[in-house]
């Protein structure tokens, strides 16, 4: 396969992914705390400010950058698995405070989880 053909195939796959993603986001249900499903709690959350997050929920990488710890299942360690709500809501990181439920970023993450199955 030539480079041009591979490029064309990659472009076609990207287009399909974007079409599928846009369809999944086109008619989102109204999102509330009761049906949120905590999709954002699978994202890597970097810690840039001190918000009082308890140390047991923080991990450091090889370069010293701090982030919220994720468990082996890929979910944030601070997520209450029974209620799917943050167990440290009052002390959650700034990025979590700014991630608005039902906003474009939220809908994108939800759509990608639906597509991945």
PDB file of N, CA and C in Angstrom:
ATOM      1  N   UNK A   1       0.853  -1.180   0.000  1.00  0.00           N
ATOM      2  CA  UNK A   1       0.000   0.000   0.000  1.00  0.00           C
ATOM      3  C   UNK A   1       0.893   1.235   0.000  1.00  0.00           C
ATOM      4  N   UNK A   2       0.579   2.189  -0.826  1.00  0.00           N
ATOM      5  CA  UNK A   2       1.396   3.400  -0.894  1.00  0.00           C
ATOM      6  C   UNK A   2       1.053   4.332   0.257  1.00  0.00           C
ATOM      7  N   UNK A   3       1.915   5.322   0.460  1.00  0.00           N
ATOM      8  CA  UNK A   3       1.676   6.303   1.521  1.00  0.00           C
ATOM      9  C   UNK A   3       0.382   7.058   1.277  1.00  0.00           C
ATOM     10  N   UNK A   4       0.087   7.336   0.008  1.00  0.00           N
ATOM     11  CA  UNK A   4      -1.145   8.058  -0.321  1.00  0.00           C
ATOM     12  C   UNK A   4      -2.361   7.229   0.068  1.00  0.00           C
ATOM     13  N   UNK A   5      -2.326   5.940  -0.258  1.00  0.00           N
ATOM     14  CA  UNK A   5      -3.457   5.074   0.082  1.00  0.00           C
ATOM     15  C   UNK A   5      -3.647   4.970   1.594  1.00  0.00           C
ATOM     16  N   UNK A   6      -2.541   4.804   2.336  1.00  0.00           N
ATOM     17  CA  UNK A   6      -2.648   4.734   3.795  1.00  0.00           C
ATOM     18  C   UNK A   6      -3.216   6.022   4.354  1.00  0.00           C
ATOM     19  N   UNK A   7      -2.794   7.153   3.797  1.00  0.00           N
ATOM     20  CA  UNK A   7      -3.293   8.448   4.239  1.00  0.00           C
ATOM     21  C   UNK A   7      -4.788   8.564   3.974  1.00  0.00           C
ATOM     22  N   UNK A   8      -5.221   8.117   2.808  1.00  0.00           N
ATOM     23  CA  UNK A   8      -6.643   8.176   2.461  1.00  0.00           C
ATOM     24  C   UNK A   8      -7.459   7.304   3.394  1.00  0.00           C
ATOM     25  N   UNK A   9      -6.948   6.114   3.704  1.00  0.00           N
ATOM     26  CA  UNK A   9      -7.669   5.222   4.614  1.00  0.00           C
ATOM     27  C   UNK A   9      -7.745   5.844   5.994  1.00  0.00           C
ATOM     28  N   UNK A  10      -6.641   6.409   6.485  1.00  0.00           N
ATOM     29  CA  UNK A  10      -6.642   7.048   7.796  1.00  0.00           C
ATOM     30  C   UNK A  10      -7.661   8.175   7.823  1.00  0.00           C
ATOM     31  N   UNK A  11      -7.709   8.987   6.744  1.00  0.00           N
ATOM     32  CA  UNK A  11      -8.671  10.086   6.684  1.00  0.00           C
ATOM     33  C   UNK A  11     -10.097   9.546   6.723  1.00  0.00           C
ATOM     34  N   UNK A  12     -10.365   8.471   6.003  1.00  0.00           N
ATOM     35  CA  UNK A  12     -11.705   7.883   5.981  1.00  0.00           C
ATOM     36  C   UNK A  12     -12.090   7.397   7.379  1.00  0.00           C
ATOM     37  N   UNK A  13     -11.156   6.716   8.086  1.00  0.00           N
ATOM     38  CA  UNK A  13     -11.437   6.237   9.437  1.00  0.00           C
ATOM     39  C   UNK A  13     -11.707   7.410  10.367  1.00  0.00           C
ATOM     40  N   UNK A  14     -10.938   8.493  10.248  1.00  0.00           N
ATOM     41  CA  UNK A  14     -11.145   9.670  11.085  1.00  0.00           C
ATOM     42  C   UNK A  14     -12.505  10.278  10.831  1.00  0.00           C
ATOM     43  N   UNK A  15     -12.913  10.323   9.560  1.00  0.00           N
ATOM     44  CA  UNK A  15     -14.218  10.873   9.207  1.00  0.00           C
ATOM     45  C   UNK A  15     -15.327  10.028   9.817  1.00  0.00           C
ATOM     46  N   UNK A  16     -15.195   8.723   9.730  1.00  0.00           N
ATOM     47  CA  UNK A  16     -16.205   7.843  10.325  1.00  0.00           C
ATOM     48  C   UNK A  16     -16.263   8.063  11.825  1.00  0.00           C
ATOM     49  N   UNK A  17     -15.097   8.148  12.463  1.00  0.00           N
ATOM     50  CA  UNK A  17     -15.068   8.376  13.907  1.00  0.00           C
ATOM     51  C   UNK A  17     -15.751   9.694  14.261  1.00  0.00           C
ATOM     52  N   UNK A  18     -15.473  10.744  13.495  1.00  0.00           N
ATOM     53  CA  UNK A  18     -16.076  12.046  13.772  1.00  0.00           C
ATOM     54  C   UNK A  18     -17.579  12.028  13.539  1.00  0.00           C
ATOM     55  N   UNK A  19     -18.024  11.343  12.490  1.00  0.00           N
ATOM     56  CA  UNK A  19     -19.461  11.234  12.221  1.00  0.00           C
ATOM     57  C   UNK A  19     -20.143  10.484  13.351  1.00  0.00           C
ATOM     58  N   UNK A  20     -19.563   9.382  13.773  1.00  0.00           N
ATOM     59  CA  UNK A  20     -20.138   8.591  14.872  1.00  0.00           C
ATOM     60  C   UNK A  20     -20.160   9.402  16.153  1.00  0.00           C
ATOM     61  N   UNK A  21     -19.070  10.100  16.440  1.00  0.00           N
ATOM     62  CA  UNK A  21     -18.980  10.925  17.642  1.00  0.00           C
ATOM     63  C   UNK A  21     -20.023  12.036  17.608  1.00  0.00           C
ATOM     64  N   UNK A  22     -20.158  12.721  16.483  1.00  0.00           N
ATOM     65  CA  UNK A  22     -21.141  13.794  16.371  1.00  0.00           C
ATOM     66  C   UNK A  22     -22.559  13.263  16.521  1.00  0.00           C
ATOM     67  N   UNK A  23     -22.831  12.082  15.995  1.00  0.00           N
ATOM     68  CA  UNK A  23     -24.159  11.484  16.144  1.00  0.00           C
ATOM     69  C   UNK A  23     -24.444  11.171  17.611  1.00  0.00           C
ATOM     70  N   UNK A  24     -23.459  10.622  18.302  1.00  0.00           N
ATOM     71  CA  UNK A  24     -23.651  10.270  19.709  1.00  0.00           C
ATOM     72  C   UNK A  24     -23.882  11.507  20.571  1.00  0.00           C
ATOM     73  N   UNK A  25     -23.345  12.674  20.133  1.00  0.00           N
ATOM     74  CA  UNK A  25     -23.507  13.908  20.890  1.00  0.00           C
ATOM     75  C   UNK A  25     -24.728  14.718  20.453  1.00  0.00           C
ATOM     76  N   UNK A  26     -25.360  14.354  19.334  1.00  0.00           N
ATOM     77  CA  UNK A  26     -26.383  15.203  18.727  1.00  0.00           C
ATOM     78  C   UNK A  26     -27.630  15.378  19.578  1.00  0.00           C
ATOM     79  N   UNK A  27     -28.081  14.363  20.257  1.00  0.00           N
ATOM     80  CA  UNK A  27     -29.289  14.480  21.059  1.00  0.00           C
ATOM     81  C   UNK A  27     -29.036  13.911  22.455  1.00  0.00           C
ATOM     82  N   UNK A  28     -28.114  14.552  23.210  1.00  0.00           N
ATOM     83  CA  UNK A  28     -27.796  14.012  24.531  1.00  0.00           C
ATOM     84  C   UNK A  28     -28.965  14.188  25.490  1.00  0.00           C
ATOM     85  N   UNK A  29     -29.132  13.232  26.388  1.00  0.00           N
ATOM     86  CA  UNK A  29     -30.176  13.398  27.388  1.00  0.00           C
ATOM     87  C   UNK A  29     -29.790  14.506  28.359  1.00  0.00           C
ATOM     88  N   UNK A  30     -30.757  15.063  29.044  1.00  0.00           N
ATOM     89  CA  UNK A  30     -30.428  16.046  30.065  1.00  0.00           C
ATOM     90  C   UNK A  30     -29.627  15.339  31.152  1.00  0.00           C
ATOM     91  N   UNK A  31     -28.485  15.891  31.465  1.00  0.00           N
ATOM     92  CA  UNK A  31     -27.589  15.240  32.414  1.00  0.00           C
ATOM     93  C   UNK A  31     -27.740  15.881  33.780  1.00  0.00           C
ATOM     94  N   UNK A  32     -27.891  15.036  34.791  1.00  0.00           N
ATOM     95  CA  UNK A  32     -27.998  15.489  36.170  1.00  0.00           C
ATOM     96  C   UNK A  32     -27.116  14.599  37.037  1.00  0.00           C
ATOM     97  N   UNK A  33     -27.016  14.905  38.307  1.00  0.00           N
ATOM     98  CA  UNK A  33     -26.232  14.070  39.224  1.00  0.00           C
ATOM     99  C   UNK A  33     -26.784  12.644  39.294  1.00  0.00           C
ATOM    100  N   UNK A  34     -28.078  12.493  39.024  1.00  0.00           N
ATOM    101  CA  UNK A  34     -28.697  11.172  39.111  1.00  0.00           C
ATOM    102  C   UNK A  34     -28.394  10.269  37.915  1.00  0.00           C
ATOM    103  N   UNK A  35     -28.062  10.848  36.751  1.00  0.00           N
ATOM    104  CA  UNK A  35     -27.791  10.007  35.585  1.00  0.00           C
ATOM    105  C   UNK A  35     -26.428  10.301  34.948  1.00  0.00           C
ATOM    106  N   UNK A  36     -25.548  10.922  35.670  1.00  0.00           N
ATOM    107  CA  UNK A  36     -24.266  11.397  35.149  1.00  0.00           C
ATOM    108  C   UNK A  36     -23.353  10.257  34.678  1.00  0.00           C
ATOM    109  N   UNK A  37     -23.272   9.196  35.399  1.00  0.00           N
ATOM    110  CA  UNK A  37     -22.414   8.040  35.116  1.00  0.00           C
ATOM    111  C   UNK A  37     -20.925   8.327  35.277  1.00  0.00           C
ATOM    112  N   UNK A  38     -20.570   9.506  35.762  1.00  0.00           N
ATOM    113  CA  UNK A  38     -19.189   9.855  36.123  1.00  0.00           C
ATOM    114  C   UNK A  38     -18.172   9.574  35.022  1.00  0.00           C
ATOM    115  N   UNK A  39     -18.531   9.833  33.787  1.00  0.00           N
ATOM    116  CA  UNK A  39     -17.616   9.592  32.658  1.00  0.00           C
ATOM    117  C   UNK A  39     -16.294  10.326  32.822  1.00  0.00           C
ATOM    118  N   UNK A  40     -16.325  11.525  33.370  1.00  0.00           N
ATOM    119  CA  UNK A  40     -15.104  12.313  33.531  1.00  0.00           C
ATOM    120  C   UNK A  40     -14.156  11.687  34.549  1.00  0.00           C
ATOM    121  N   UNK A  41     -14.649  10.800  35.380  1.00  0.00           N
ATOM    122  CA  UNK A  41     -13.813  10.181  36.411  1.00  0.00           C
ATOM    123  C   UNK A  41     -12.870   9.121  35.849  1.00  0.00           C
ATOM    124  N   UNK A  42     -12.873   8.965  34.535  1.00  0.00           N
ATOM    125  CA  UNK A  42     -11.913   8.086  33.870  1.00  0.00           C
ATOM    126  C   UNK A  42     -10.789   8.884  33.226  1.00  0.00           C
ATOM    127  N   UNK A  43     -10.892  10.200  33.270  1.00  0.00           N
ATOM    128  CA  UNK A  43      -9.867  11.063  32.689  1.00  0.00           C
ATOM    129  C   UNK A  43      -8.704  11.252  33.657  1.00  0.00           C
ATOM    130  N   UNK A  44      -7.521  11.485  33.120  1.00  0.00           N
ATOM    131  CA  UNK A  44      -6.352  11.777  33.943  1.00  0.00           C
ATOM    132  C   UNK A  44      -6.504  13.205  34.469  1.00  0.00           C
ATOM    133  N   UNK A  45      -6.455  13.385  35.781  1.00  0.00           N
ATOM    134  CA  UNK A  45      -6.642  14.694  36.402  1.00  0.00           C
ATOM    135  C   UNK A  45      -5.328  15.142  37.022  1.00  0.00           C
ATOM    136  N   UNK A  46      -4.729  16.124  36.395  1.00  0.00           N
ATOM    137  CA  UNK A  46      -3.486  16.693  36.908  1.00  0.00           C
ATOM    138  C   UNK A  46      -3.815  17.674  38.032  1.00  0.00           C
ATOM    139  N   UNK A  47      -2.953  17.726  39.024  1.00  0.00           N
ATOM    140  CA  UNK A  47      -3.137  18.629  40.158  1.00  0.00           C
ATOM    141  C   UNK A  47      -2.158  19.794  40.025  1.00  0.00           C
ATOM    142  N   UNK A  48      -2.706  20.983  39.822  1.00  0.00           N
ATOM    143  CA  UNK A  48      -1.882  22.176  39.642  1.00  0.00           C
ATOM    144  C   UNK A  48      -1.924  23.096  40.851  1.00  0.00           C
ATOM    145  N   UNK A  49      -2.956  22.958  41.664  1.00  0.00           N
ATOM    146  CA  UNK A  49      -3.098  23.792  42.855  1.00  0.00           C
ATOM    147  C   UNK A  49      -3.387  22.897  44.046  1.00  0.00           C
ATOM    148  N   UNK A  50      -3.141  23.404  45.221  1.00  0.00           N
ATOM    149  CA  UNK A  50      -3.438  22.656  46.439  1.00  0.00           C
ATOM    150  C   UNK A  50      -4.892  22.910  46.818  1.00  0.00           C
ATOM    151  N   UNK A  51      -5.723  21.876  46.688  1.00  0.00           N
ATOM    152  CA  UNK A  51      -7.137  22.013  47.037  1.00  0.00           C
ATOM    153  C   UNK A  51      -7.476  21.225  48.290  1.00  0.00           C
ATOM    154  N   UNK A  52      -6.483  20.639  48.900  1.00  0.00           N
ATOM    155  CA  UNK A  52      -6.747  19.852  50.095  1.00  0.00           C
ATOM    156  C   UNK A  52      -7.119  18.409  49.798  1.00  0.00           C
ATOM    157  N   UNK A  53      -6.820  17.939  48.592  1.00  0.00           N
ATOM    158  CA  UNK A  53      -7.091  16.541  48.249  1.00  0.00           C
ATOM    159  C   UNK A  53      -6.270  15.660  49.187  1.00  0.00           C
ATOM    160  N   UNK A  54      -6.915  14.716  49.861  1.00  0.00           N
ATOM    161  CA  UNK A  54      -6.167  13.826  50.766  1.00  0.00           C
ATOM    162  C   UNK A  54      -5.069  13.064  50.010  1.00  0.00           C
ATOM    163  N   UNK A  55      -3.924  12.904  50.662  1.00  0.00           N
ATOM    164  CA  UNK A  55      -2.762  12.260  50.042  1.00  0.00           C
ATOM    165  C   UNK A  55      -3.061  10.879  49.468  1.00  0.00           C
ATOM    166  N   UNK A  56      -3.982  10.139  50.062  1.00  0.00           N
ATOM    167  CA  UNK A  56      -4.258   8.775  49.592  1.00  0.00           C
ATOM    168  C   UNK A  56      -4.864   8.758  48.183  1.00  0.00           C
ATOM    169  N   UNK A  57      -5.314   9.923  47.689  1.00  0.00           N
ATOM    170  CA  UNK A  57      -5.901  10.009  46.347  1.00  0.00           C
ATOM    171  C   UNK A  57      -4.937  10.634  45.334  1.00  0.00           C
ATOM    172  N   UNK A  58      -3.700  10.881  45.742  1.00  0.00           N
ATOM    173  CA  UNK A  58      -2.723  11.555  44.880  1.00  0.00           C
ATOM    174  C   UNK A  58      -1.595  10.600  44.527  1.00  0.00           C
ATOM    175  N   UNK A  59      -1.166  10.677  43.250  1.00  0.00           N
ATOM    176  CA  UNK A  59       0.015   9.924  42.829  1.00  0.00           C
ATOM    177  C   UNK A  59       0.970  10.870  42.114  1.00  0.00           C
ATOM    178  N   UNK A  60       2.236  10.484  42.079  1.00  0.00           N
ATOM    179  CA  UNK A  60       3.273  11.293  41.447  1.00  0.00           C
ATOM    180  C   UNK A  60       3.924  10.461  40.348  1.00  0.00           C
ATOM    181  N   UNK A  61       4.197  11.102  39.196  1.00  0.00           N
ATOM    182  CA  UNK A  61       4.862  10.360  38.131  1.00  0.00           C
ATOM    183  C   UNK A  61       6.380  10.472  38.293  1.00  0.00           C
ATOM    184  N   UNK A  62       7.116   9.928  37.342  1.00  0.00           N
ATOM    185  CA  UNK A  62       8.583   9.903  37.410  1.00  0.00           C
ATOM    186  C   UNK A  62       9.206  11.290  37.422  1.00  0.00           C
ATOM    187  N   UNK A  63       8.485  12.297  36.953  1.00  0.00           N
ATOM    188  CA  UNK A  63       9.007  13.661  36.884  1.00  0.00           C
ATOM    189  C   UNK A  63       8.487  14.530  38.027  1.00  0.00           C
ATOM    190  N   UNK A  64       7.704  13.952  38.927  1.00  0.00           N
ATOM    191  CA  UNK A  64       7.206  14.686  40.071  1.00  0.00           C
ATOM    192  C   UNK A  64       5.859  15.364  39.866  1.00  0.00           C
ATOM    193  N   UNK A  65       5.252  15.191  38.698  1.00  0.00           N
ATOM    194  CA  UNK A  65       3.929  15.777  38.456  1.00  0.00           C
ATOM    195  C   UNK A  65       2.884  15.021  39.270  1.00  0.00           C
ATOM    196  N   UNK A  66       1.983  15.759  39.889  1.00  0.00           N
ATOM    197  CA  UNK A  66       0.956  15.161  40.725  1.00  0.00           C
ATOM    198  C   UNK A  66      -0.349  15.040  39.958  1.00  0.00           C
ATOM    199  N   UNK A  67      -1.056  13.943  40.218  1.00  0.00           N
ATOM    200  CA  UNK A  67      -2.369  13.727  39.599  1.00  0.00           C
ATOM    201  C   UNK A  67      -3.230  12.918  40.558  1.00  0.00           C
ATOM    202  N   UNK A  68      -4.512  12.905  40.259  1.00  0.00           N
ATOM    203  CA  UNK A  68      -5.416  12.070  41.036  1.00  0.00           C
ATOM    204  C   UNK A  68      -5.091  10.613  40.724  1.00  0.00           C
ATOM    205  N   UNK A  69      -5.061   9.795  41.748  1.00  0.00           N
ATOM    206  CA  UNK A  69      -4.761   8.378  41.581  1.00  0.00           C
ATOM    207  C   UNK A  69      -5.943   7.687  40.911  1.00  0.00           C
ATOM    208  N   UNK A  70      -5.639   6.815  39.973  1.00  0.00           N
ATOM    209  CA  UNK A  70      -6.660   5.985  39.345  1.00  0.00           C
ATOM    210  C   UNK A  70      -6.416   4.549  39.762  1.00  0.00           C
ATOM    211  N   UNK A  71      -7.486   3.832  40.015  1.00  0.00           N
ATOM    212  CA  UNK A  71      -7.375   2.429  40.402  1.00  0.00           C
ATOM    213  C   UNK A  71      -7.207   1.568  39.158  1.00  0.00           C
ATOM    214  N   UNK A  72      -6.986   0.280  39.356  1.00  0.00           N
ATOM    215  CA  UNK A  72      -6.745  -0.636  38.236  1.00  0.00           C
ATOM    216  C   UNK A  72      -7.892  -0.662  37.229  1.00  0.00           C
ATOM    217  N   UNK A  73      -9.095  -0.307  37.665  1.00  0.00           N
ATOM    218  CA  UNK A  73     -10.243  -0.300  36.750  1.00  0.00           C
ATOM    219  C   UNK A  73     -10.301   0.961  35.894  1.00  0.00           C
ATOM    220  N   UNK A  74      -9.354   1.902  36.112  1.00  0.00           N
ATOM    221  CA  UNK A  74      -9.289   3.118  35.316  1.00  0.00           C
ATOM    222  C   UNK A  74     -10.084   4.286  35.881  1.00  0.00           C
ATOM    223  N   UNK A  75     -10.827   4.066  36.945  1.00  0.00           N
ATOM    224  CA  UNK A  75     -11.640   5.120  37.548  1.00  0.00           C
ATOM    225  C   UNK A  75     -10.843   5.848  38.621  1.00  0.00           C
ATOM    226  N   UNK A  76     -11.180   7.094  38.858  1.00  0.00           N
ATOM    227  CA  UNK A  76     -10.565   7.899  39.902  1.00  0.00           C
ATOM    228  C   UNK A  76     -10.739   7.205  41.256  1.00  0.00           C
ATOM    229  N   UNK A  77      -9.683   7.222  42.057  1.00  0.00           N
ATOM    230  CA  UNK A  77      -9.717   6.577  43.374  1.00  0.00           C
ATOM    231  C   UNK A  77     -10.699   7.263  44.323  1.00  0.00           C
ATOM    232  N   UNK A  78     -11.032   8.538  44.062  1.00  0.00           N
ATOM    233  CA  UNK A  78     -11.954   9.265  44.942  1.00  0.00           C
ATOM    234  C   UNK A  78     -13.421   9.036  44.582  1.00  0.00           C
ATOM    235  N   UNK A  79     -13.674   8.322  43.505  1.00  0.00           N
ATOM    236  CA  UNK A  79     -15.058   8.061  43.095  1.00  0.00           C
ATOM    237  C   UNK A  79     -15.675   6.979  43.967  1.00  0.00           C
ATOM    238  N   UNK A  80     -16.815   7.277  44.567  1.00  0.00           N
ATOM    239  CA  UNK A  80     -17.575   6.278  45.314  1.00  0.00           C
ATOM    240  C   UNK A  80     -18.233   5.369  44.281  1.00  0.00           C
ATOM    241  N   UNK A  81     -17.833   4.121  44.242  1.00  0.00           N
ATOM    242  CA  UNK A  81     -18.309   3.192  43.209  1.00  0.00           C
ATOM    243  C   UNK A  81     -19.794   2.868  43.329  1.00  0.00           C
ATOM    244  N   UNK A  82     -20.372   3.011  44.503  1.00  0.00           N
ATOM    245  CA  UNK A  82     -21.800   2.702  44.683  1.00  0.00           C
ATOM    246  C   UNK A  82     -22.700   3.834  44.194  1.00  0.00           C
ATOM    247  N   UNK A  83     -22.330   5.063  44.513  1.00  0.00           N
ATOM    248  CA  UNK A  83     -23.179   6.197  44.143  1.00  0.00           C
ATOM    249  C   UNK A  83     -22.720   6.886  42.857  1.00  0.00           C
ATOM    250  N   UNK A  84     -21.492   6.558  42.394  1.00  0.00           N
ATOM    251  CA  UNK A  84     -20.850   7.236  41.265  1.00  0.00           C
ATOM    252  C   UNK A  84     -20.755   8.744  41.494  1.00  0.00           C
ATOM    253  N   UNK A  85     -20.470   9.113  42.724  1.00  0.00           N
ATOM    254  CA  UNK A  85     -20.260  10.521  43.082  1.00  0.00           C
ATOM    255  C   UNK A  85     -18.903  10.662  43.765  1.00  0.00           C
ATOM    256  N   UNK A  86     -18.380  11.854  43.712  1.00  0.00           N
ATOM    257  CA  UNK A  86     -17.062  12.124  44.281  1.00  0.00           C
ATOM    258  C   UNK A  86     -17.111  12.052  45.805  1.00  0.00           C
ATOM    259  N   UNK A  87     -16.219  11.260  46.375  1.00  0.00           N
ATOM    260  CA  UNK A  87     -16.187  11.120  47.834  1.00  0.00           C
ATOM    261  C   UNK A  87     -15.473  12.294  48.510  1.00  0.00           C
ATOM    262  N   UNK A  88     -14.814  13.142  47.725  1.00  0.00           N
ATOM    263  CA  UNK A  88     -14.122  14.318  48.276  1.00  0.00           C
ATOM    264  C   UNK A  88     -14.615  15.583  47.576  1.00  0.00           C
ATOM    265  N   UNK A  89     -15.888  15.657  47.294  1.00  0.00           N
ATOM    266  CA  UNK A  89     -16.461  16.723  46.486  1.00  0.00           C
ATOM    267  C   UNK A  89     -16.030  18.114  46.938  1.00  0.00           C
ATOM    268  N   UNK A  90     -16.055  18.381  48.238  1.00  0.00           N
ATOM    269  CA  UNK A  90     -15.682  19.702  48.747  1.00  0.00           C
ATOM    270  C   UNK A  90     -14.192  19.997  48.579  1.00  0.00           C
ATOM    271  N   UNK A  91     -13.371  18.948  48.406  1.00  0.00           N
ATOM    272  CA  UNK A  91     -11.925  19.112  48.270  1.00  0.00           C
ATOM    273  C   UNK A  91     -11.436  18.722  46.879  1.00  0.00           C
ATOM    274  N   UNK A  92     -12.347  18.549  45.930  1.00  0.00           N
ATOM    275  CA  UNK A  92     -11.961  18.092  44.596  1.00  0.00           C
ATOM    276  C   UNK A  92     -11.029  19.096  43.923  1.00  0.00           C
ATOM    277  N   UNK A  93     -10.193  18.602  43.003  1.00  0.00           N
ATOM    278  CA  UNK A  93      -9.237  19.477  42.315  1.00  0.00           C
ATOM    279  C   UNK A  93      -9.923  20.557  41.472  1.00  0.00           C
ATOM    280  N   UNK A  94      -9.174  21.602  41.191  1.00  0.00           N
ATOM    281  CA  UNK A  94      -9.678  22.722  40.399  1.00  0.00           C
ATOM    282  C   UNK A  94     -10.213  22.260  39.047  1.00  0.00           C
ATOM    283  N   UNK A  95      -9.485  21.384  38.371  1.00  0.00           N
ATOM    284  CA  UNK A  95      -9.925  20.937  37.055  1.00  0.00           C
ATOM    285  C   UNK A  95     -11.273  20.219  37.134  1.00  0.00           C
ATOM    286  N   UNK A  96     -11.524  19.507  38.220  1.00  0.00           N
ATOM    287  CA  UNK A  96     -12.822  18.851  38.415  1.00  0.00           C
ATOM    288  C   UNK A  96     -13.921  19.891  38.663  1.00  0.00           C
ATOM    289  N   UNK A  97     -13.577  20.936  39.375  1.00  0.00           N
ATOM    290  CA  UNK A  97     -14.540  22.012  39.639  1.00  0.00           C
ATOM    291  C   UNK A  97     -14.932  22.723  38.344  1.00  0.00           C
ATOM    292  N   UNK A  98     -13.977  22.829  37.429  1.00  0.00           N
ATOM    293  CA  UNK A  98     -14.223  23.549  36.176  1.00  0.00           C
ATOM    294  C   UNK A  98     -14.839  22.674  35.085  1.00  0.00           C
ATOM    295  N   UNK A  99     -14.819  21.367  35.252  1.00  0.00           N
ATOM    296  CA  UNK A  99     -15.389  20.449  34.260  1.00  0.00           C
ATOM    297  C   UNK A  99     -16.902  20.442  34.461  1.00  0.00           C
ATOM    298  N   UNK A 100     -17.597  21.169  33.610  1.00  0.00           N
ATOM    299  CA  UNK A 100     -19.027  21.395  33.799  1.00  0.00           C
ATOM    300  C   UNK A 100     -19.877  20.244  33.254  1.00  0.00           C
ATOM    301  N   UNK A 101     -20.725  19.711  34.114  1.00  0.00           N
ATOM    302  CA  UNK A 101     -21.618  18.631  33.718  1.00  0.00           C
ATOM    303  C   UNK A 101     -22.537  19.113  32.591  1.00  0.00           C
ATOM    304  N   UNK A 102     -22.565  18.361  31.487  1.00  0.00           N
ATOM    305  CA  UNK A 102     -23.412  18.690  30.353  1.00  0.00           C
ATOM    306  C   UNK A 102     -22.782  19.643  29.349  1.00  0.00           C
ATOM    307  N   UNK A 103     -21.569  20.141  29.639  1.00  0.00           N
ATOM    308  CA  UNK A 103     -20.865  21.030  28.706  1.00  0.00           C
ATOM    309  C   UNK A 103     -20.266  20.199  27.566  1.00  0.00           C
ATOM    310  N   UNK A 104     -19.706  20.879  26.578  1.00  0.00           N
ATOM    311  CA  UNK A 104     -19.158  20.209  25.389  1.00  0.00           C
ATOM    312  C   UNK A 104     -18.161  19.105  25.741  1.00  0.00           C
ATOM    313  N   UNK A 105     -17.230  19.383  26.679  1.00  0.00           N
ATOM    314  CA  UNK A 105     -16.235  18.378  27.061  1.00  0.00           C
ATOM    315  C   UNK A 105     -16.898  17.157  27.687  1.00  0.00           C
ATOM    316  N   UNK A 106     -17.892  17.379  28.503  1.00  0.00           N
ATOM    317  CA  UNK A 106     -18.634  16.300  29.148  1.00  0.00           C
ATOM    318  C   UNK A 106     -19.341  15.445  28.095  1.00  0.00           C
ATOM    319  N   UNK A 107     -20.033  16.092  27.174  1.00  0.00           N
ATOM    320  CA  UNK A 107     -20.763  15.365  26.135  1.00  0.00           C
ATOM    321  C   UNK A 107     -19.821  14.574  25.238  1.00  0.00           C
ATOM    322  N   UNK A 108     -18.664  15.144  24.943  1.00  0.00           N
ATOM    323  CA  UNK A 108     -17.670  14.444  24.124  1.00  0.00           C
ATOM    324  C   UNK A 108     -17.180  13.197  24.831  1.00  0.00           C
ATOM    325  N   UNK A 109     -16.840  13.317  26.102  1.00  0.00           N
ATOM    326  CA  UNK A 109     -16.357  12.163  26.860  1.00  0.00           C
ATOM    327  C   UNK A 109     -17.430  11.074  26.954  1.00  0.00           C
ATOM    328  N   UNK A 110     -18.666  11.473  27.214  1.00  0.00           N
ATOM    329  CA  UNK A 110     -19.777  10.507  27.289  1.00  0.00           C
ATOM    330  C   UNK A 110     -19.956   9.800  25.953  1.00  0.00           C
ATOM    331  N   UNK A 111     -19.910  10.553  24.855  1.00  0.00           N
ATOM    332  CA  UNK A 111     -20.090   9.972  23.522  1.00  0.00           C
ATOM    333  C   UNK A 111     -18.969   8.981  23.205  1.00  0.00           C
ATOM    334  N   UNK A 112     -17.727   9.326  23.565  1.00  0.00           N
ATOM    335  CA  UNK A 112     -16.618   8.427  23.296  1.00  0.00           C
ATOM    336  C   UNK A 112     -16.740   7.138  24.106  1.00  0.00           C
ATOM    337  N   UNK A 113     -17.234   7.215  25.322  1.00  0.00           N
ATOM    338  CA  UNK A 113     -17.436   6.014  26.127  1.00  0.00           C
ATOM    339  C   UNK A 113     -18.532   5.146  25.512  1.00  0.00           C
ATOM    340  N   UNK A 114     -19.587   5.767  25.021  1.00  0.00           N
ATOM    341  CA  UNK A 114     -20.661   5.014  24.364  1.00  0.00           C
ATOM    342  C   UNK A 114     -20.128   4.316  23.123  1.00  0.00           C
ATOM    343  N   UNK A 115     -19.326   5.010  22.329  1.00  0.00           N
ATOM    344  CA  UNK A 115     -18.771   4.438  21.093  1.00  0.00           C
ATOM    345  C   UNK A 115     -17.842   3.270  21.409  1.00  0.00           C
ATOM    346  N   UNK A 116     -16.995   3.438  22.432  1.00  0.00           N
ATOM    347  CA  UNK A 116     -16.037   2.363  22.806  1.00  0.00           C
ATOM    348  C   UNK A 116     -16.755   1.176  23.409  1.00  0.00           C
ATOM    349  N   UNK A 117     -17.960   1.410  23.910  1.00  0.00           N
ATOM    350  CA  UNK A 117     -18.740   0.310  24.494  1.00  0.00           C
ATOM    351  C   UNK A 117     -18.397   0.101  25.866  1.00  0.00           C
TER     352      UNK A 117
END
